C-alpha atoms as a PDB file:
ATOM      1  CA  MET A   1       0.202  -2.827  29.981  1.00  0.00           C
ATOM      2  CA  ALA A   2      -1.431  -2.947  26.526  1.00  0.00           C
ATOM      3  CA  ARG A   3      -1.155   0.844  26.210  1.00  0.00           C
ATOM      4  CA  LEU A   4       2.534   0.703  27.221  1.00  0.00           C
ATOM      5  CA  THR A   5       3.145  -1.990  24.600  1.00  0.00           C
ATOM      6  CA  PHE A   6       1.613   0.237  21.906  1.00  0.00           C
ATOM      7  CA  TYR A   7       3.808   3.191  22.927  1.00  0.00           C
ATOM      8  CA  ILE A   8       6.933   1.015  22.836  1.00  0.00           C
ATOM      9  CA  SER A   9       6.020  -0.382  19.411  1.00  0.00           C
ATOM     10  CA  MET A  10       5.489   3.127  18.010  1.00  0.00           C
ATOM     11  CA  LEU A  11       8.870   4.230  19.369  1.00  0.00           C
ATOM     12  CA  VAL A  12      10.603   1.212  17.835  1.00  0.00           C
ATOM     13  CA  GLY A  13       9.040   1.971  14.453  1.00  0.00           C
ATOM     14  CA  ALA A  14       9.996   5.645  14.601  1.00  0.00           C
ATOM     15  CA  VAL A  15      13.627   4.835  15.360  1.00  0.00           C
ATOM     16  CA  ALA A  16      13.773   2.179  12.648  1.00  0.00           C
ATOM     17  CA  ALA A  17      12.432   4.623  10.059  1.00  0.00           C
ATOM     18  CA  LEU A  18      14.995   7.359  10.654  1.00  0.00           C
ATOM     19  CA  PRO A  19      17.007   8.212   7.511  1.00  0.00           C
ATOM     20  CA  SER A  20      20.656   7.305   7.141  1.00  0.00           C
ATOM     21  CA  PRO A  21      23.246  10.092   6.758  1.00  0.00           C
ATOM     22  CA  GLY A  22      23.334  11.529   3.258  1.00  0.00           C
ATOM     23  CA  ARG A  23      19.840  10.427   2.292  1.00  0.00           C
ATOM     24  CA  THR A  24      18.575  14.001   2.041  1.00  0.00           C
ATOM     25  CA  SER A  25      21.110  14.935  -0.625  1.00  0.00           C
ATOM     26  CA  LYS A  26      20.020  12.034  -2.848  1.00  0.00           C
ATOM     27  CA  ALA A  27      16.351  12.968  -3.091  1.00  0.00           C
ATOM     28  CA  PRO A  28      15.113  15.089  -6.016  1.00  0.00           C
ATOM     29  CA  PRO A  29      12.925  18.106  -5.216  1.00  0.00           C
ATOM     30  CA  SER A  30       9.487  17.193  -3.955  1.00  0.00           C
ATOM     31  CA  LEU A  31       6.583  17.180  -6.371  1.00  0.00           C
ATOM     32  CA  PRO A  32       3.470  19.131  -5.317  1.00  0.00           C
ATOM     33  CA  ASN A  33       1.734  17.623  -2.317  1.00  0.00           C
ATOM     34  CA  ALA A  34      -1.781  16.285  -2.601  1.00  0.00           C
ATOM     35  CA  ASP A  35      -4.968  17.775  -1.184  1.00  0.00           C
ATOM     36  CA  PRO A  36      -6.734  14.650   0.149  1.00  0.00           C
ATOM     37  CA  ILE A  37      -9.830  16.590   1.190  1.00  0.00           C
ATOM     38  CA  ALA A  38     -10.302  17.798  -2.383  1.00  0.00           C
ATOM     39  CA  VAL A  39      -9.686  14.300  -3.758  1.00  0.00           C
ATOM     40  CA  MET A  40     -12.254  12.745  -1.417  1.00  0.00           C
ATOM     41  CA  SER A  41     -14.837  15.460  -2.089  1.00  0.00           C
ATOM     42  CA  VAL A  42     -15.764  13.691  -5.347  1.00  0.00           C
ATOM     43  CA  PRO A  43     -18.777  11.437  -4.583  1.00  0.00           C
ATOM     44  CA  GLN A  44     -18.337   7.743  -5.275  1.00  0.00           C
ATOM     45  CA  SER A  45     -21.492   7.885  -7.394  1.00  0.00           C
ATOM     46  CA  ASN A  46     -19.721  10.179  -9.871  1.00  0.00           C
ATOM     47  CA  PHE A  47     -17.491   7.444 -11.291  1.00  0.00           C
ATOM     48  CA  LYS A  48     -17.376   3.752 -12.120  1.00  0.00           C
ATOM     49  CA  SER A  49     -16.165   1.360  -9.427  1.00  0.00           C
ATOM     50  CA  TYR A  50     -15.393  -2.323  -9.891  1.00  0.00           C
ATOM     51  CA  GLN A  51     -15.439  -5.380  -7.677  1.00  0.00           C
ATOM     52  CA  THR A  52     -12.318  -6.575  -9.483  1.00  0.00           C
ATOM     53  CA  GLY A  53     -12.298  -5.177 -13.024  1.00  0.00           C
ATOM     54  CA  GLY A  54      -9.071  -6.030 -14.807  1.00  0.00           C
ATOM     55  CA  LEU A  55      -7.032  -5.968 -11.623  1.00  0.00           C
ATOM     56  CA  VAL A  56      -4.731  -8.961 -11.254  1.00  0.00           C
ATOM     57  CA  ARG A  57      -4.641  -9.518  -7.520  1.00  0.00           C
ATOM     58  CA  TYR A  58      -2.396 -11.488  -5.231  1.00  0.00           C
ATOM     59  CA  ASN A  59      -3.928 -14.897  -4.537  1.00  0.00           C
ATOM     60  CA  SER A  60      -0.990 -17.144  -3.705  1.00  0.00           C
ATOM     61  CA  THR A  61       2.576 -17.140  -2.494  1.00  0.00           C
ATOM     62  CA  GLU A  62       5.800 -17.153  -4.464  1.00  0.00           C
ATOM     63  CA  ASP A  63       6.025 -20.899  -3.880  1.00  0.00           C
ATOM     64  CA  ALA A  64       2.963 -21.577  -6.012  1.00  0.00           C
ATOM     65  CA  LYS A  65       3.614 -22.929  -9.484  1.00  0.00           C
ATOM     66  CA  LEU A  66       2.325 -19.952 -11.442  1.00  0.00           C
ATOM     67  CA  SER A  67       3.061 -18.739 -14.937  1.00  0.00           C
ATOM     68  CA  LYS A  68       4.188 -15.139 -14.598  1.00  0.00           C
ATOM     69  CA  ARG A  69       5.810 -12.567 -16.856  1.00  0.00           C
ATOM     70  CA  TRP A  70       8.732 -11.794 -14.545  1.00  0.00           C
ATOM     71  CA  ASP A  71      11.364 -13.390 -12.376  1.00  0.00           C
ATOM     72  CA  CYS A  72      11.308 -12.582  -8.681  1.00  0.00           C
ATOM     73  CA  SER A  73      14.029 -10.085  -7.746  1.00  0.00           C
ATOM     74  CA  SER A  74      17.151 -11.329  -6.002  1.00  0.00           C
ATOM     75  CA  SER A  75      17.993  -7.800  -4.851  1.00  0.00           C
ATOM     76  CA  PRO A  76      15.761  -4.703  -4.824  1.00  0.00           C
ATOM     77  CA  THR A  77      16.378  -1.408  -6.595  1.00  0.00           C
ATOM     78  CA  LEU A  78      16.545   1.649  -4.322  1.00  0.00           C
ATOM     79  CA  THR A  79      15.272   4.987  -5.570  1.00  0.00           C
ATOM     80  CA  TYR A  80      14.633   8.356  -3.969  1.00  0.00           C
ATOM     81  CA  GLY A  81      12.420   9.402  -6.889  1.00  0.00           C
ATOM     82  CA  ASP A  82      12.370   8.387 -10.556  1.00  0.00           C
ATOM     83  CA  THR A  83      12.468  10.594 -13.633  1.00  0.00           C
ATOM     84  CA  ASP A  84       8.983  11.111 -15.012  1.00  0.00           C
ATOM     85  CA  ASP A  85       9.231  10.550 -18.754  1.00  0.00           C
ATOM     86  CA  GLY A  86       5.481  10.309 -19.233  1.00  0.00           C
ATOM     87  CA  GLY A  87       5.346   6.530 -18.893  1.00  0.00           C
ATOM     88  CA  PRO A  88       3.391   4.432 -16.410  1.00  0.00           C
ATOM     89  CA  GLY A  89       3.902   5.058 -12.724  1.00  0.00           C
ATOM     90  CA  ILE A  90       2.576   6.415  -9.475  1.00  0.00           C
ATOM     91  CA  THR A  91       3.242   9.371  -7.203  1.00  0.00           C
ATOM     92  CA  ILE A  92       3.613   8.693  -3.486  1.00  0.00           C
ATOM     93  CA  ASP A  93       2.870  11.534  -1.073  1.00  0.00           C
ATOM     94  CA  ASN A  94       4.409  10.771   2.337  1.00  0.00           C
ATOM     95  CA  ASP A  95       2.361  12.756   4.848  1.00  0.00           C
ATOM     96  CA  ALA A  96       4.446  11.595   7.836  1.00  0.00           C
ATOM     97  CA  SER A  97       6.696  14.126   9.556  1.00  0.00           C
ATOM     98  CA  ASP A  98       9.841  12.103   8.831  1.00  0.00           C
ATOM     99  CA  TRP A  99      11.273   9.848   6.128  1.00  0.00           C
ATOM    100  CA  ARG A 100       9.316   6.692   5.299  1.00  0.00           C
ATOM    101  CA  GLY A 101      10.019   3.638   3.153  1.00  0.00           C
ATOM    102  CA  PHE A 102       7.635   2.219   0.525  1.00  0.00           C
ATOM    103  CA  TYR A 103       8.252  -1.228  -0.979  1.00  0.00           C
ATOM    104  CA  PHE A 104       7.017  -2.572  -4.340  1.00  0.00           C
ATOM    105  CA  TYR A 105       6.425  -6.315  -4.710  1.00  0.00           C
ATOM    106  CA  HIS A 106       5.498  -8.250  -7.835  1.00  0.00           C
ATOM    107  CA  ASN A 107       2.566 -10.578  -7.275  1.00  0.00           C
ATOM    108  CA  SER A 108       3.805 -13.926  -5.927  1.00  0.00           C
ATOM    109  CA  CYS A 109       7.260 -12.493  -5.125  1.00  0.00           C
ATOM    110  CA  ASP A 110       7.137 -11.859  -1.394  1.00  0.00           C
ATOM    111  CA  SER A 111      10.660 -12.307  -0.035  1.00  0.00           C
ATOM    112  CA  VAL A 112      12.466  -9.515  -1.899  1.00  0.00           C
ATOM    113  CA  PRO A 113      10.918  -6.249  -3.153  1.00  0.00           C
ATOM    114  CA  TRP A 114      11.328  -5.347  -6.816  1.00  0.00           C
ATOM    115  CA  LYS A 115      11.935  -1.695  -5.944  1.00  0.00           C
ATOM    116  CA  TYR A 116      11.707   0.526  -2.901  1.00  0.00           C
ATOM    117  CA  ILE A 117      11.750   4.251  -2.261  1.00  0.00           C
ATOM    118  CA  TRP A 118      12.528   6.434   0.735  1.00  0.00           C
ATOM    119  CA  ILE A 119      10.626   9.719   0.793  1.00  0.00           C
ATOM    120  CA  ALA A 120      11.140  12.667   3.129  1.00  0.00           C
ATOM    121  CA  GLY A 121       8.291  13.757   5.378  1.00  0.00           C
ATOM    122  CA  LYS A 122       5.634  15.945   3.734  1.00  0.00           C
ATOM    123  CA  SER A 123       7.182  15.202   0.332  1.00  0.00           C
ATOM    124  CA  THR A 124       5.972  13.580  -2.891  1.00  0.00           C
ATOM    125  CA  GLN A 125       7.980  11.536  -5.407  1.00  0.00           C
ATOM    126  CA  PHE A 126       7.252   9.672  -8.640  1.00  0.00           C
ATOM    127  CA  VAL A 127       8.001   5.976  -9.076  1.00  0.00           C
ATOM    128  CA  SER A 128       8.175   4.533 -12.575  1.00  0.00           C
ATOM    129  CA  ILE A 129       6.386   1.178 -12.952  1.00  0.00           C
ATOM    130  CA  PRO A 130       6.772  -0.814 -16.190  1.00  0.00           C
ATOM    131  CA  THR A 131       3.882  -1.782 -18.422  1.00  0.00           C
ATOM    132  CA  GLY A 132       2.603  -5.201 -17.403  1.00  0.00           C
ATOM    133  CA  TRP A 133       3.243  -4.634 -13.688  1.00  0.00           C
ATOM    134  CA  GLU A 134       1.087  -6.656 -11.310  1.00  0.00           C
ATOM    135  CA  GLY A 135       1.749  -6.176  -7.630  1.00  0.00           C
ATOM    136  CA  ARG A 136       1.475  -4.103  -4.504  1.00  0.00           C
ATOM    137  CA  VAL A 137       3.074  -1.300  -2.465  1.00  0.00           C
ATOM    138  CA  GLN A 138       3.537  -1.501   1.319  1.00  0.00           C
ATOM    139  CA  ARG A 139       4.963   0.866   3.937  1.00  0.00           C
ATOM    140  CA  GLY A 140       7.786  -0.484   6.061  1.00  0.00           C
ATOM    141  CA  VAL A 141      11.394  -0.264   7.224  1.00  0.00           C
ATOM    142  CA  ASP A 142      14.537  -1.781   5.736  1.00  0.00           C
ATOM    143  CA  ASP A 143      15.324  -3.985   8.739  1.00  0.00           C
ATOM    144  CA  THR A 144      12.283  -6.137   8.070  1.00  0.00           C
ATOM    145  CA  MET A 145      11.313  -5.505   4.443  1.00  0.00           C
ATOM    146  CA  LEU A 146      14.829  -6.290   3.212  1.00  0.00           C
ATOM    147  CA  ASN A 147      15.583  -9.273   5.440  1.00  0.00           C
ATOM    148  CA  GLY A 148      14.642 -11.859   2.815  1.00  0.00           C
ATOM    149  CA  GLN A 149      11.432 -12.961   4.543  1.00  0.00           C
ATOM    150  CA  PRO A 150       7.846 -12.257   3.443  1.00  0.00           C
ATOM    151  CA  GLN A 151       6.268  -9.314   5.281  1.00  0.00           C
ATOM    152  CA  LEU A 152       2.611  -9.627   4.371  1.00  0.00           C
ATOM    153  CA  LEU A 153       0.965  -7.986   7.384  1.00  0.00           C
ATOM    154  CA  GLY A 154      -0.194  -4.451   6.630  1.00  0.00           C
ATOM    155  CA  SER A 155      -2.143  -2.229   4.244  1.00  0.00           C
ATOM    156  CA  TRP A 156      -1.628  -2.940   0.545  1.00  0.00           C
ATOM    157  CA  LEU A 157      -1.929  -0.618  -2.436  1.00  0.00           C
ATOM    158  CA  GLU A 158      -2.590  -3.073  -5.281  1.00  0.00           C
ATOM    159  CA  ILE A 159      -1.798  -2.026  -8.860  1.00  0.00           C
ATOM    160  CA  SER A 160      -1.753  -3.755 -12.222  1.00  0.00           C
ATOM    161  CA  TRP A 161      -1.564  -2.768 -15.892  1.00  0.00           C
ATOM    162  CA  ASP A 162      -3.855  -4.730 -18.214  1.00  0.00           C
ATOM    163  CA  ILE A 163      -1.694  -5.282 -21.293  1.00  0.00           C
ATOM    164  CA  ASN A 164      -4.583  -6.999 -23.072  1.00  0.00           C
ATOM    165  CA  ASN A 165      -6.867  -3.979 -22.716  1.00  0.00           C
ATOM    166  CA  GLY A 166      -4.886  -0.988 -23.920  1.00  0.00           C
ATOM    167  CA  ASN A 167      -2.627  -1.041 -20.864  1.00  0.00           C
ATOM    168  CA  THR A 168      -5.478   0.121 -18.667  1.00  0.00           C
ATOM    169  CA  GLY A 169      -4.347   0.599 -15.085  1.00  0.00           C
ATOM    170  CA  TRP A 170      -6.228  -0.807 -12.093  1.00  0.00           C
ATOM    171  CA  ALA A 171      -5.794   0.019  -8.402  1.00  0.00           C
ATOM    172  CA  ASP A 172      -7.295  -0.595  -4.993  1.00  0.00           C
ATOM    173  CA  VAL A 173      -6.454  -0.441  -1.293  1.00  0.00           C
ATOM    174  CA  SER A 174      -6.658  -3.834   0.394  1.00  0.00           C
ATOM    175  CA  LEU A 175      -6.845  -4.555   4.131  1.00  0.00           C
ATOM    176  CA  ILE A 176      -7.237  -8.291   3.633  1.00  0.00           C
ATOM    177  CA  ARG A 177      -3.647  -8.890   4.783  1.00  0.00           C
ATOM    178  CA  GLY A 178      -3.987  -6.386   7.637  1.00  0.00           C
ATOM    179  CA  CYS A 179      -3.948  -2.641   8.205  1.00  0.00           C
ATOM    180  CA  ASP A 180      -0.917  -0.634   9.347  1.00  0.00           C
ATOM    181  CA  GLY A 181      -2.351   2.733   8.313  1.00  0.00           C
ATOM    182  CA  ALA A 182      -4.349   4.590   5.713  1.00  0.00           C
ATOM    183  CA  ILE A 183      -3.754   4.845   1.952  1.00  0.00           C
ATOM    184  CA  LEU A 184      -5.606   6.999  -0.578  1.00  0.00           C
ATOM    185  CA  VAL A 185      -5.287   6.340  -4.339  1.00  0.00           C
ATOM    186  CA  TRP A 186      -6.808   8.200  -7.305  1.00  0.00           C
ATOM    187  CA  ASN A 187      -6.503   8.527 -11.076  1.00  0.00           C
ATOM    188  CA  PRO A 188      -6.095  11.683 -13.202  1.00  0.00           C
ATOM    189  CA  ASP A 189      -9.882  11.895 -13.613  1.00  0.00           C
ATOM    190  CA  GLY A 190     -10.368  12.177  -9.852  1.00  0.00           C
ATOM    191  CA  ASN A 191     -11.750   8.678  -9.254  1.00  0.00           C
ATOM    192  CA  TRP A 192     -10.546   7.544  -5.849  1.00  0.00           C
ATOM    193  CA  LYS A 193     -10.493   4.730  -3.312  1.00  0.00           C
ATOM    194  CA  GLY A 194      -8.975   4.208   0.123  1.00  0.00           C
ATOM    195  CA  PHE A 195      -9.136   6.290   3.299  1.00  0.00           C
ATOM    196  CA  THR A 196      -7.147   8.775   5.382  1.00  0.00           C
ATOM    197  CA  GLN A 197      -8.482   8.387   8.927  1.00  0.00           C
ATOM    198  CA  TRP A 198      -6.577   6.740  11.796  1.00  0.00           C
ATOM    199  CA  VAL A 199      -8.161   3.348  12.601  1.00  0.00           C
ATOM    200  CA  LEU A 200      -5.388   1.601  14.539  1.00  0.00           C
ATOM    201  CA  ASP A 201      -6.587   2.463  18.045  1.00  0.00           C
ATOM    202  CA  GLY A 202      -9.719   1.369  19.861  1.00  0.00           C
ATOM    203  CA  ALA A 203     -10.354  -1.892  18.005  1.00  0.00           C
ATOM    204  CA  PRO A 204     -11.799  -4.791  20.052  1.00  0.00           C
ATOM    205  CA  ASP A 205      -9.841  -7.700  21.463  1.00  0.00           C
ATOM    206  CA  GLY A 206      -8.926 -10.128  18.713  1.00  0.00           C
ATOM    207  CA  ALA A 207      -8.468  -7.400  16.091  1.00  0.00           C
ATOM    208  CA  TYR A 208      -4.706  -6.937  16.486  1.00  0.00           C
ATOM    209  CA  ASP A 209      -1.571  -8.654  15.245  1.00  0.00           C
ATOM    210  CA  GLN A 210       2.105  -7.742  15.612  1.00  0.00           C
ATOM    211  CA  LYS A 211       4.406  -6.962  12.721  1.00  0.00           C
ATOM    212  CA  ASN A 212       7.903  -8.406  12.750  1.00  0.00           C
ATOM    213  CA  ASP A 213       9.321  -5.019  13.758  1.00  0.00           C
ATOM    214  CA  GLY A 214       7.148  -4.984  16.888  1.00  0.00           C
ATOM    215  CA  GLN A 215       4.363  -2.675  15.694  1.00  0.00           C
ATOM    216  CA  TRP A 216       0.774  -3.562  16.621  1.00  0.00           C
ATOM    217  CA  VAL A 217      -1.637  -3.268  13.687  1.00  0.00           C
ATOM    218  CA  ILE A 218      -5.060  -4.524  12.636  1.00  0.00           C
ATOM    219  CA  LYS A 219      -4.746  -8.204  11.747  1.00  0.00           C
ATOM    220  CA  ALA A 220      -5.551  -9.884   8.426  1.00  0.00           C
ATOM    221  CA  THR A 221      -9.240 -10.281   7.684  1.00  0.00           C
ATOM    222  CA  GLU A 222      -8.722 -13.575   5.849  1.00  0.00           C
ATOM    223  CA  GLY A 223      -6.735 -16.515   7.162  1.00  0.00           C
ATOM    224  CA  GLU A 224      -5.821 -19.881   5.733  1.00  0.00           C
ATOM    225  CA  ASN A 225      -8.210 -21.234   3.104  1.00  0.00           C
ATOM    226  CA  ALA A 226      -9.819 -17.765   2.947  1.00  0.00           C
ATOM    227  CA  ALA A 227     -11.439 -18.232   6.366  1.00  0.00           C
ATOM    228  CA  ILE A 228     -12.793 -14.855   7.515  1.00  0.00           C
ATOM    229  CA  ASN A 229     -11.439 -13.274  10.679  1.00  0.00           C
ATOM    230  CA  THR A 230     -14.680 -11.516  11.517  1.00  0.00           C
ATOM    231  CA  ILE A 231     -13.404  -9.244  14.305  1.00  0.00           C
ATOM    232  CA  PRO A 232     -10.882  -7.247  12.215  1.00  0.00           C
ATOM    233  CA  ARG A 233     -13.111  -7.507   9.111  1.00  0.00           C
ATOM    234  CA  ASP A 234     -16.078  -6.008  10.918  1.00  0.00           C
ATOM    235  CA  TRP A 235     -13.867  -3.286  12.437  1.00  0.00           C
ATOM    236  CA  ASP A 236     -12.649  -2.305   8.957  1.00  0.00           C
ATOM    237  CA  ILE A 237     -16.218  -2.184   7.652  1.00  0.00           C
ATOM    238  CA  GLN A 238     -17.344  -0.083  10.613  1.00  0.00           C
ATOM    239  CA  GLN A 239     -14.454   2.385  10.430  1.00  0.00           C
ATOM    240  CA  ILE A 240     -13.968   2.641   6.657  1.00  0.00           C
ATOM    241  CA  GLY A 241     -16.557   0.791   4.569  1.00  0.00           C
ATOM    242  CA  SER A 242     -16.339  -1.894   1.921  1.00  0.00           C
ATOM    243  CA  ASP A 243     -16.882   0.502  -0.997  1.00  0.00           C
ATOM    244  CA  TYR A 244     -13.533   2.164  -0.259  1.00  0.00           C
ATOM    245  CA  VAL A 245     -11.210  -0.761   0.508  1.00  0.00           C
ATOM    246  CA  TYR A 246     -11.104  -4.525   0.196  1.00  0.00           C
ATOM    247  CA  VAL A 247     -12.209  -5.860   3.592  1.00  0.00           C
ATOM    248  CA  ASP A 248     -12.497  -9.389   2.188  1.00  0.00           C
ATOM    249  CA  ASP A 249     -13.054 -10.950  -1.226  1.00  0.00           C
ATOM    250  CA  SER A 250     -16.852 -10.754  -1.048  1.00  0.00           C
ATOM    251  CA  HIS A 251     -17.777  -7.164  -0.200  1.00  0.00           C
ATOM    252  CA  GLY A 252     -17.975  -3.945  -2.151  1.00  0.00           C
ATOM    253  CA  SER A 253     -16.522  -2.529  -5.367  1.00  0.00           C
ATOM    254  CA  PRO A 254     -13.253  -0.903  -4.250  1.00  0.00           C
ATOM    255  CA  VAL A 255     -11.344  -0.880  -7.568  1.00  0.00           C
ATOM    256  CA  ILE A 256     -10.747   2.047  -9.946  1.00  0.00           C
ATOM    257  CA  SER A 257      -9.142   2.189 -13.372  1.00  0.00           C
ATOM    258  CA  THR A 258      -7.108   4.649 -15.413  1.00  0.00           C
ATOM    259  CA  SER A 259      -6.588   4.797 -19.165  1.00  0.00           C
ATOM    260  CA  ASN A 260      -3.116   6.376 -19.046  1.00  0.00           C
ATOM    261  CA  GLN A 261      -1.356   4.054 -16.567  1.00  0.00           C
ATOM    262  CA  ARG A 262      -0.943   6.819 -13.997  1.00  0.00           C
ATOM    263  CA  PHE A 263      -2.088   6.878 -10.372  1.00  0.00           C
ATOM    264  CA  SER A 264      -1.435   9.146  -7.416  1.00  0.00           C
ATOM    265  CA  SER A 265      -1.382   8.124  -3.766  1.00  0.00           C
ATOM    266  CA  PHE A 266      -1.393   9.773  -0.342  1.00  0.00           C
ATOM    267  CA  TRP A 267      -0.010   7.983   2.702  1.00  0.00           C
ATOM    268  CA  PRO A 268      -0.859   9.353   6.154  1.00  0.00           C
ATOM    269  CA  ASP A 269       1.560   8.182   8.807  1.00  0.00           C
ATOM    270  CA  GLY A 270       0.949   4.629   9.987  1.00  0.00           C
ATOM    271  CA  ARG A 271       2.874   1.984  11.894  1.00  0.00           C
ATOM    272  CA  PRO A 272       5.616   0.872   9.495  1.00  0.00           C
END
């Protein structure tokens, strides 16, 4: 029965992610695709990694009384690929065989994305991100990500620009809020974090949670009051390692930086 449930959830996600008519004509030509094997061939010992560095991470919900440099979006901006004028931003390489959606959220703004992009399978597009950005990118589908409710469960690509330090960019892959698939991120110097392997099958009982669209994924490793969910946390450490991703707030140094506010990312297919 569990195996049947997984198959049904994967089918639901695949149907939900299908592109609407006319989407293909709106997308600019694909940028060159990444070579993840070449990216990951650079040893971690060849570059500086940080436990946090200057990264401004998500630590509370939009309801918290925080001082922030932006207003939460009331409606998201859709793009199929932004013009690269040399400013800050990130490339997203969608390695799935079909279109996939990627959703950008400001820190502490969880109900409505700031921007989102649909990218054709095996295609790469650039997304412009303004100086001062602090937030995350998640994979997903419009039916849930645009329904006005927070969708925290899943893999996060966390990014921020440190405006007090020459606009240095910081990035990591976090599985603290769950894992719905792999993400690889790197800077122009070849410093990288994240992973590409499939880790969603074979986890022990107690490691899974269900997304609002019905997909079964690895559950959050931290619960209320930062209590550790040891079963999914230990699975993430075993399958990936704490030097490559955030498995909790205590392990590893999974953060990289960039001096020119540019990152690249590679997204193997997951369970959106």
